[in-house]
Amino acid sequence: MASNRTLIWLSLSADLFLWGIVSNLFGPSSLRIMDEFKIDFALAGIAVSALSFGGMFSAYTGKFADTYGSLYVTRLSLLFMGLLTALTGLSDSVYSLFLLSFLTGISIGTFQASFSQAVMDLYPEAKIKMLTLTQVFFGVGATIGPIATAIIISSFDSWRSGYLLYGIILNILVILQFSLKSPSTVRRTIDYGREEYGTSFLILLGGMLLIFIWGAGVNSWLPTYIVSTGKASYLEASAILSCFWGAVTVMRGVTGKITEKVDEKRMLIWLTILGFVIGVLSLSVNGFILNAIVWSVIGLSFAPVYPLIIAITYNKYRRNPGRVIGRLVAIGNAGALISAPLIGEINSITNPYVATLIIPISSLTIAILFLKLKTD
C-alpha cells in the first residue's frame, strides 16, 4: 500500500512538472505565433489570456473532485489538458488559438482545484508537507520549460512543435497513470452549508486573489521594471526573475519538512509580512547582485503561501473541499488576469516604482486579511 501511494505521489509530481513546462509554452512561442498569424503582441496576449479566463470556471468544476474523487478528476482534467495542448499546435487562426486556450484553461482550473485535494487525500497525516514538496516539481518545470521549449522550436523550426510534443507526452503519461489505484478513494457527502459564504470564505478568496496577483505581477512586470529603472540589463533582469522562481522552488523543498510542525496561519502571516518589507526595500536597491538577492528573498516569502492557503481551506471545509478550492482557484485566475493590466495602468499614470508597489502591497494585504481568520 505504501509503495503504491508513493508511486501515485511520484506520478502526480511528474504531472505537475509537465504542467510547469506547458504553462510557459507561450513565452518562447509568441514571436513565431505573431509572425505566422500576422498579429501584434496585444492580440496574441489576449488569445492566450483566455487560459486565465477558462481557469475561472473552476468555480463550477471544482465540485467534481468531491463527487467523483480527487485523483480521478485530476487525471481526467490532465488528459483533456494534454489533448487540447496538442490541438493548439494545430491551430489555423488566432480565433482557434483563443478557443483552444479557453478550453485548456477550463481543464487547468479543474486540475488546480482537484490536484491539491488529491495530494492531501493521499497524505492526510502530512498534508502541507507533501503538497509543498510536490509544488517543487512545478517550479523545476517552470524554470527549465522556456529553455527546453526554445530548443524544440529551434530544432523543428515551428512554434507548433512544443505544443504537439508536450501534449502527446502528457497524454501518454496520464493514460499510464490510470492503472495506478489509490490506496483509499475519498468520496464526500456534499454539504453546501452556509459557512462557506461567511467571513472565513471571503478571507480565503481575498488571499487567493492576492497571491495570484503577486505571482503574475512578478512574472509579467519584474523584467520590465528592472530594465526601465536602469537597475540591470535585459539579460540580468531575466536572470533576476529566474532567481525569484529558483528561490520559490528551493523554499518549497525546504519548508515541506517543517510545515507540519508549525501553525499554518502564523507562518503565512509572518512570511507575507516579510514579503512586504523586502518588497518595499527592493525599490532602493540597484545592480544585478543586490536585486538578485532581494528578489530571491521575496521568492522565499512567496513560496509556501499558496500551499498554506490550500491546506487551511482543506482543513476548514472537509465535507466539500473541491467545491471551495475550485472557487478559490477561480478568483485566483481572475487575479492573474487583471495583474498585468493593473500594474501597467498604474505605471502609465505614475511611474515604475509606484507600479511595483502592487507586489509587496498584495503580500501585506494577505497578512492583514489572515489576522482576522478563525482557524478553529
Protein backbone atom coordinates (compact mmCIF):
# COMPACT_ATOMS: atom_id res chain seq x y z
CA MET A 1 0.00 0.00 0.00
CA ALA A 2 2.77 2.39 0.99
CA SER A 3 4.72 1.76 -2.21
CA ASN A 4 1.60 2.22 -4.31
CA ARG A 5 0.91 5.52 -2.55
CA THR A 6 4.47 6.61 -3.28
CA LEU A 7 4.07 5.73 -6.96
CA ILE A 8 0.86 7.76 -7.14
CA TRP A 9 2.58 10.73 -5.49
CA LEU A 10 5.50 10.48 -7.91
CA SER A 11 3.08 10.34 -10.84
CA LEU A 12 1.30 13.46 -9.54
CA SER A 13 4.68 15.17 -9.17
CA ALA A 14 5.52 14.26 -12.78
CA ASP A 15 2.16 15.73 -13.83
CA LEU A 16 2.98 18.97 -12.05
CA PHE A 17 6.44 19.07 -13.63
CA LEU A 18 4.94 18.80 -17.10
CA TRP A 19 2.28 21.37 -16.26
CA GLY A 20 5.10 23.73 -15.23
CA ILE A 21 6.55 23.33 -18.71
CA VAL A 22 3.20 23.61 -20.51
CA SER A 23 2.24 26.74 -18.57
CA ASN A 24 5.28 28.50 -20.07
CA LEU A 25 4.79 27.45 -23.70
CA PHE A 26 3.52 30.82 -24.90
CA GLY A 27 6.61 32.89 -23.99
CA PRO A 28 9.09 31.18 -26.35
CA SER A 29 6.33 30.66 -28.96
CA SER A 30 4.92 34.20 -29.05
CA LEU A 31 7.16 35.72 -31.74
CA ARG A 32 6.56 32.79 -34.10
CA ILE A 33 2.79 32.92 -33.45
CA MET A 34 2.65 36.66 -34.17
CA ASP A 35 4.66 36.25 -37.34
CA GLU A 36 2.55 33.35 -38.67
CA PHE A 37 -0.85 34.89 -37.91
CA LYS A 38 0.26 38.49 -38.69
CA ILE A 39 -0.90 39.85 -35.33
CA ASP A 40 0.64 42.10 -32.69
CA PHE A 41 1.62 41.15 -29.14
CA ALA A 42 -1.57 42.62 -27.65
CA LEU A 43 -3.83 40.38 -29.76
CA ALA A 44 -1.65 37.33 -29.16
CA GLY A 45 -1.69 38.08 -25.44
CA ILE A 46 -5.48 38.33 -25.43
CA ALA A 47 -5.72 34.98 -27.18
CA VAL A 48 -3.52 33.27 -24.62
CA SER A 49 -5.02 35.14 -21.65
CA ALA A 50 -8.10 33.04 -22.40
CA LEU A 51 -6.28 30.42 -20.28
CA SER A 52 -6.92 32.50 -17.16
CA PHE A 53 -10.49 33.20 -18.24
CA GLY A 54 -11.15 29.49 -18.70
CA GLY A 55 -9.50 28.79 -15.36
CA MET A 56 -12.18 30.84 -13.63
CA PHE A 57 -14.70 28.10 -14.46
CA SER A 58 -13.14 26.03 -11.68
CA ALA A 59 -15.80 27.71 -9.54
CA TYR A 60 -18.18 25.21 -11.17
CA THR A 61 -15.88 22.27 -11.98
CA GLY A 62 -14.10 22.10 -8.61
CA LYS A 63 -17.01 20.20 -7.07
CA PHE A 64 -16.35 17.25 -9.41
CA ALA A 65 -13.43 16.24 -7.15
CA ASP A 66 -15.85 15.88 -4.21
CA THR A 67 -18.34 13.83 -6.20
CA TYR A 68 -16.12 11.57 -8.33
CA GLY A 69 -12.83 11.52 -6.36
CA SER A 70 -9.96 13.98 -6.49
CA LEU A 71 -7.43 11.61 -8.06
CA TYR A 72 -9.78 10.55 -10.87
CA VAL A 73 -10.73 14.16 -11.71
CA THR A 74 -7.07 15.21 -11.60
CA ARG A 75 -6.16 12.59 -14.18
CA LEU A 76 -9.16 13.29 -16.37
CA SER A 77 -8.50 17.04 -16.41
CA LEU A 78 -4.87 16.38 -17.32
CA LEU A 79 -5.97 14.11 -20.14
CA PHE A 80 -8.04 16.94 -21.60
CA MET A 81 -5.18 19.37 -20.96
CA GLY A 82 -2.81 17.20 -22.98
CA LEU A 83 -5.31 16.75 -25.81
CA LEU A 84 -6.11 20.47 -26.02
CA THR A 85 -2.42 21.42 -25.82
CA ALA A 86 -1.69 19.16 -28.80
CA LEU A 87 -4.68 20.57 -30.70
CA THR A 88 -3.40 24.10 -30.03
CA GLY A 89 -0.35 23.12 -32.04
CA LEU A 90 -2.72 22.55 -34.98
CA SER A 91 -4.45 25.97 -34.73
CA ASP A 92 -5.12 27.56 -38.10
CA SER A 93 -6.03 31.05 -36.85
CA VAL A 94 -5.87 33.31 -33.82
CA TYR A 95 -9.56 32.56 -33.23
CA SER A 96 -8.98 28.83 -32.87
CA LEU A 97 -5.98 29.66 -30.66
CA PHE A 98 -8.29 31.69 -28.42
CA LEU A 99 -10.93 28.94 -28.26
CA LEU A 100 -8.42 26.19 -27.50
CA SER A 101 -6.71 28.36 -24.88
CA PHE A 102 -10.06 28.95 -23.22
CA LEU A 103 -10.90 25.23 -23.17
CA THR A 104 -7.40 24.41 -21.93
CA GLY A 105 -7.93 26.98 -19.18
CA ILE A 106 -11.07 25.13 -18.02
CA SER A 107 -9.10 21.88 -17.76
CA ILE A 108 -6.25 23.69 -15.95
CA GLY A 109 -8.65 25.27 -13.46
CA THR A 110 -10.24 21.89 -12.79
CA PHE A 111 -6.78 20.38 -12.37
CA GLN A 112 -5.72 23.12 -9.95
CA ALA A 113 -8.82 22.54 -7.84
CA SER A 114 -8.55 18.74 -7.73
CA PHE A 115 -4.78 18.25 -7.69
CA SER A 116 -4.11 19.77 -4.27
CA GLN A 117 -7.03 17.83 -2.84
CA ALA A 118 -5.67 14.60 -4.37
CA VAL A 119 -2.30 15.06 -2.66
CA MET A 120 -3.89 15.88 0.70
CA ASP A 121 -6.31 12.94 0.39
CA LEU A 122 -3.31 10.74 -0.29
CA TYR A 123 -1.37 12.02 2.73
CA PRO A 124 -3.91 13.21 5.32
CA GLU A 125 -1.29 12.85 8.06
CA ALA A 126 1.21 15.18 6.30
CA LYS A 127 -0.92 17.42 4.10
CA ILE A 128 1.14 20.60 3.96
CA LYS A 129 4.47 18.80 3.82
CA MET A 130 3.55 16.67 0.80
CA LEU A 131 1.65 19.44 -1.00
CA THR A 132 4.59 21.83 -0.60
CA LEU A 133 7.12 19.19 -1.72
CA THR A 134 5.01 18.41 -4.78
CA GLN A 135 4.98 22.10 -5.75
CA VAL A 136 8.77 21.87 -6.12
CA PHE A 137 8.24 19.87 -9.32
CA PHE A 138 6.16 22.68 -10.81
CA GLY A 139 8.99 25.11 -10.05
CA VAL A 140 11.52 22.90 -11.79
CA GLY A 141 9.26 22.54 -14.83
CA ALA A 142 8.57 26.29 -14.95
CA THR A 143 12.30 27.00 -14.67
CA ILE A 144 13.54 24.72 -17.47
CA GLY A 145 10.39 24.97 -19.60
CA PRO A 146 11.19 28.15 -21.57
CA ILE A 147 14.72 26.96 -22.41
CA ALA A 148 13.57 23.45 -23.39
CA THR A 149 10.73 24.85 -25.50
CA ALA A 150 13.05 27.29 -27.27
CA ILE A 151 15.39 24.41 -28.16
CA ILE A 152 12.47 22.32 -29.51
CA ILE A 153 11.12 25.24 -31.56
CA SER A 154 14.58 25.94 -32.99
CA SER A 155 15.14 22.27 -33.83
CA PHE A 156 11.82 21.86 -35.69
CA ASP A 157 11.63 25.50 -36.84
CA SER A 158 8.00 25.78 -35.72
CA TRP A 159 6.20 27.05 -32.61
CA ARG A 160 3.71 24.21 -33.05
CA SER A 161 6.31 21.56 -32.21
CA GLY A 162 6.35 22.40 -28.50
CA TYR A 163 2.57 22.24 -28.13
CA LEU A 164 2.31 18.98 -30.07
CA LEU A 165 5.20 17.27 -28.30
CA TYR A 166 4.23 18.20 -24.74
CA GLY A 167 0.56 17.50 -25.40
CA ILE A 168 1.34 13.98 -26.62
CA ILE A 169 3.77 13.28 -23.75
CA LEU A 170 1.22 14.49 -21.20
CA ASN A 171 -1.49 12.25 -22.64
CA ILE A 172 0.76 9.18 -22.65
CA LEU A 173 1.83 9.84 -19.06
CA VAL A 174 -1.73 10.25 -17.80
CA ILE A 175 -3.05 7.18 -19.64
CA LEU A 176 -0.35 5.09 -17.94
CA GLN A 177 -1.36 6.53 -14.57
CA PHE A 178 -4.92 5.23 -14.78
CA SER A 179 -3.51 1.78 -13.94
CA LEU A 180 -2.36 3.06 -10.52
CA LYS A 181 -5.13 2.54 -8.00
CA SER A 182 -5.40 4.82 -5.00
CA PRO A 183 -4.98 3.03 -1.63
CA SER A 184 -8.06 4.90 -0.45
CA THR A 185 -10.70 6.51 -2.63
CA VAL A 186 -12.22 9.51 -0.93
CA ARG A 187 -15.87 10.30 -1.61
CA ARG A 188 -17.61 13.02 0.30
CA THR A 189 -21.19 13.78 1.19
CA ILE A 190 -21.73 17.12 -0.45
CA ASP A 191 -22.70 19.74 2.10
CA TYR A 192 -23.30 23.19 0.68
CA GLY A 193 -23.61 24.75 4.10
CA ARG A 194 -23.82 28.47 4.72
CA GLU A 195 -20.45 28.59 6.49
CA GLU A 196 -18.50 28.83 3.25
CA TYR A 197 -20.18 32.14 2.43
CA GLY A 198 -19.15 33.70 5.75
CA THR A 199 -16.15 35.82 6.71
CA SER A 200 -13.66 32.93 6.56
CA PHE A 201 -14.58 32.13 2.98
CA LEU A 202 -14.21 35.79 1.95
CA ILE A 203 -10.78 35.96 3.62
CA LEU A 204 -9.65 32.85 1.75
CA LEU A 205 -10.99 34.29 -1.51
CA GLY A 206 -9.11 37.52 -0.92
CA GLY A 207 -5.91 35.67 -0.08
CA MET A 208 -6.09 33.59 -3.25
CA LEU A 209 -6.84 36.64 -5.42
CA LEU A 210 -3.83 38.47 -3.99
CA ILE A 211 -1.36 35.57 -4.21
CA PHE A 212 -2.15 35.22 -7.92
CA ILE A 213 -1.80 38.99 -8.43
CA TRP A 214 1.54 38.77 -6.60
CA GLY A 215 2.91 35.86 -8.64
CA ALA A 216 1.55 37.02 -12.01
CA GLY A 217 2.79 40.53 -11.26
CA VAL A 218 6.34 39.30 -10.72
CA ASN A 219 6.22 37.17 -13.87
CA SER A 220 4.85 39.86 -16.16
CA TRP A 221 6.35 43.02 -14.67
CA LEU A 222 9.69 42.33 -12.95
CA PRO A 223 12.00 42.32 -16.04
CA THR A 224 10.31 45.47 -17.41
CA TYR A 225 10.67 47.24 -14.06
CA ILE A 226 14.34 46.26 -13.66
CA VAL A 227 15.28 47.42 -17.17
CA SER A 228 13.14 50.59 -17.27
CA THR A 229 14.61 51.86 -13.99
CA GLY A 230 18.19 51.09 -15.07
CA LYS A 231 18.81 48.65 -12.24
CA ALA A 232 20.24 45.97 -14.53
CA SER A 233 20.45 44.90 -18.18
CA TYR A 234 17.81 42.92 -20.04
CA LEU A 235 19.66 39.62 -19.67
CA GLU A 236 20.33 40.33 -15.99
CA ALA A 237 16.66 41.16 -15.46
CA SER A 238 15.69 37.76 -16.87
CA ALA A 239 18.24 36.15 -14.57
CA ILE A 240 16.72 38.00 -11.59
CA LEU A 241 13.32 36.56 -12.48
CA SER A 242 14.92 33.11 -12.62
CA CYS A 243 16.42 33.77 -9.16
CA PHE A 244 12.93 34.52 -7.84
CA TRP A 245 11.48 31.25 -9.13
CA GLY A 246 14.60 29.32 -8.17
CA ALA A 247 14.18 30.58 -4.60
CA VAL A 248 10.49 29.60 -4.70
CA THR A 249 11.43 26.07 -5.77
CA VAL A 250 14.17 25.67 -3.13
CA MET A 251 12.00 27.13 -0.37
CA ARG A 252 9.15 24.74 -1.13
CA GLY A 253 11.56 21.84 -0.89
CA VAL A 254 12.90 23.03 2.47
CA THR A 255 9.64 24.10 4.11
CA GLY A 256 7.95 20.85 3.15
CA LYS A 257 9.85 19.20 6.03
CA ILE A 258 8.85 21.72 8.70
CA THR A 259 5.37 22.97 7.83
CA GLU A 260 3.56 20.16 9.68
CA LYS A 261 5.17 21.35 12.92
CA VAL A 262 4.08 25.00 12.73
CA ASP A 263 0.80 26.86 12.85
CA GLU A 264 -0.29 27.44 9.23
CA LYS A 265 -1.92 30.80 9.86
CA ARG A 266 1.01 32.20 11.86
CA MET A 267 3.56 31.05 9.29
CA LEU A 268 1.55 32.57 6.44
CA ILE A 269 1.25 35.93 8.21
CA TRP A 270 4.95 36.21 9.02
CA LEU A 271 6.00 35.21 5.50
CA THR A 272 3.71 37.74 3.84
CA ILE A 273 4.91 40.49 6.17
CA LEU A 274 8.47 39.58 5.20
CA GLY A 275 7.46 39.78 1.54
CA PHE A 276 6.10 43.27 2.09
CA VAL A 277 9.16 44.59 3.94
CA ILE A 278 11.69 43.20 1.46
CA GLY A 279 9.48 44.22 -1.47
CA VAL A 280 9.47 47.85 -0.34
CA LEU A 281 13.21 47.79 0.36
CA SER A 282 13.83 46.40 -3.14
CA LEU A 283 12.81 49.74 -4.65
CA SER A 284 16.00 51.33 -3.33
CA VAL A 285 18.33 48.53 -4.47
CA ASN A 286 20.45 48.87 -7.63
CA GLY A 287 22.69 46.49 -9.52
CA PHE A 288 22.29 42.87 -10.58
CA ILE A 289 23.68 41.14 -7.49
CA LEU A 290 21.64 43.08 -4.91
CA ASN A 291 18.44 42.79 -6.94
CA ALA A 292 19.01 39.07 -7.41
CA ILE A 293 19.37 38.73 -3.63
CA VAL A 294 16.30 40.78 -2.62
CA TRP A 295 14.04 39.17 -5.21
CA SER A 296 15.27 35.76 -4.13
CA VAL A 297 14.25 36.62 -0.56
CA ILE A 298 10.85 37.76 -1.86
CA GLY A 299 10.64 34.39 -3.62
CA LEU A 300 11.36 32.65 -0.30
CA SER A 301 8.46 34.50 1.32
CA PHE A 302 6.15 33.81 -1.63
CA ALA A 303 6.84 30.07 -1.92
CA PRO A 304 4.74 28.48 0.86
CA VAL A 305 1.80 30.91 0.77
CA TYR A 306 -0.28 29.13 -1.89
CA PRO A 307 0.10 25.65 -0.29
CA LEU A 308 -0.72 27.14 3.11
CA ILE A 309 -3.93 28.78 1.84
CA ILE A 310 -4.97 25.50 0.20
CA ALA A 311 -4.21 23.49 3.36
CA ILE A 312 -6.15 25.91 5.58
CA THR A 313 -9.09 25.65 3.18
CA TYR A 314 -8.92 21.84 3.17
CA ASN A 315 -8.97 21.78 6.97
CA LYS A 316 -11.93 24.17 7.25
CA TYR A 317 -14.12 22.57 4.56
CA ARG A 318 -13.62 18.84 4.90
CA ARG A 319 -17.05 17.89 3.50
CA ASN A 320 -16.60 19.63 0.16
CA PRO A 321 -13.03 20.93 -0.25
CA GLY A 322 -13.06 20.51 -4.04
CA ARG A 323 -16.00 22.87 -4.45
CA VAL A 324 -14.47 25.50 -2.17
CA ILE A 325 -10.92 25.18 -3.57
CA GLY A 326 -12.43 25.42 -7.07
CA ARG A 327 -13.94 28.78 -6.18
CA LEU A 328 -10.65 29.98 -4.74
CA VAL A 329 -8.79 28.94 -7.89
CA ALA A 330 -11.40 30.76 -9.99
CA ILE A 331 -10.86 34.03 -8.14
CA GLY A 332 -7.11 33.40 -8.29
CA ASN A 333 -7.24 33.16 -12.07
CA ALA A 334 -9.17 36.42 -12.10
CA GLY A 335 -6.26 37.93 -10.17
CA ALA A 336 -3.78 36.60 -12.73
CA LEU A 337 -5.95 38.06 -15.49
CA ILE A 338 -6.01 41.59 -14.07
CA SER A 339 -2.49 41.70 -12.60
CA ALA A 340 -0.50 42.83 -15.65
CA PRO A 341 -3.10 45.37 -16.91
CA LEU A 342 -3.45 46.78 -13.38
CA ILE A 343 0.29 47.24 -12.92
CA GLY A 344 0.65 48.60 -16.45
CA GLU A 345 -2.09 51.17 -15.91
CA ILE A 346 -0.59 52.33 -12.60
CA ASN A 347 2.78 52.64 -14.35
CA SER A 348 1.30 54.79 -17.12
CA ILE A 349 -0.35 57.10 -14.57
CA THR A 350 2.58 57.30 -12.13
CA ASN A 351 5.97 55.58 -12.53
CA PRO A 352 7.58 52.08 -12.38
CA TYR A 353 8.34 52.35 -8.66
CA VAL A 354 4.73 53.02 -7.67
CA ALA A 355 3.51 50.28 -10.04
CA THR A 356 5.91 47.77 -8.47
CA LEU A 357 4.45 48.52 -5.04
CA ILE A 358 1.42 46.44 -6.06
CA ILE A 359 3.54 43.33 -5.42
CA PRO A 360 4.53 44.00 -1.76
CA ILE A 361 1.15 45.61 -1.01
CA SER A 362 -0.53 42.39 -2.17
CA SER A 363 1.68 40.49 0.27
CA LEU A 364 0.88 42.80 3.20
CA THR A 365 -2.86 42.69 2.47
CA ILE A 366 -2.79 38.88 2.69
CA ALA A 367 -1.24 39.19 6.16
CA ILE A 368 -3.88 41.69 7.27
CA LEU A 369 -6.71 39.51 5.97
CA PHE A 370 -5.47 36.35 7.67
CA LEU A 371 -5.08 38.09 11.01
CA LYS A 372 -8.89 38.00 11.07
CA LEU A 373 -9.21 34.37 10.01
CA LYS A 374 -10.53 31.92 12.61
CA THR A 375 -8.82 28.57 12.12
CA ASP A 376 -10.59 26.65 14.94
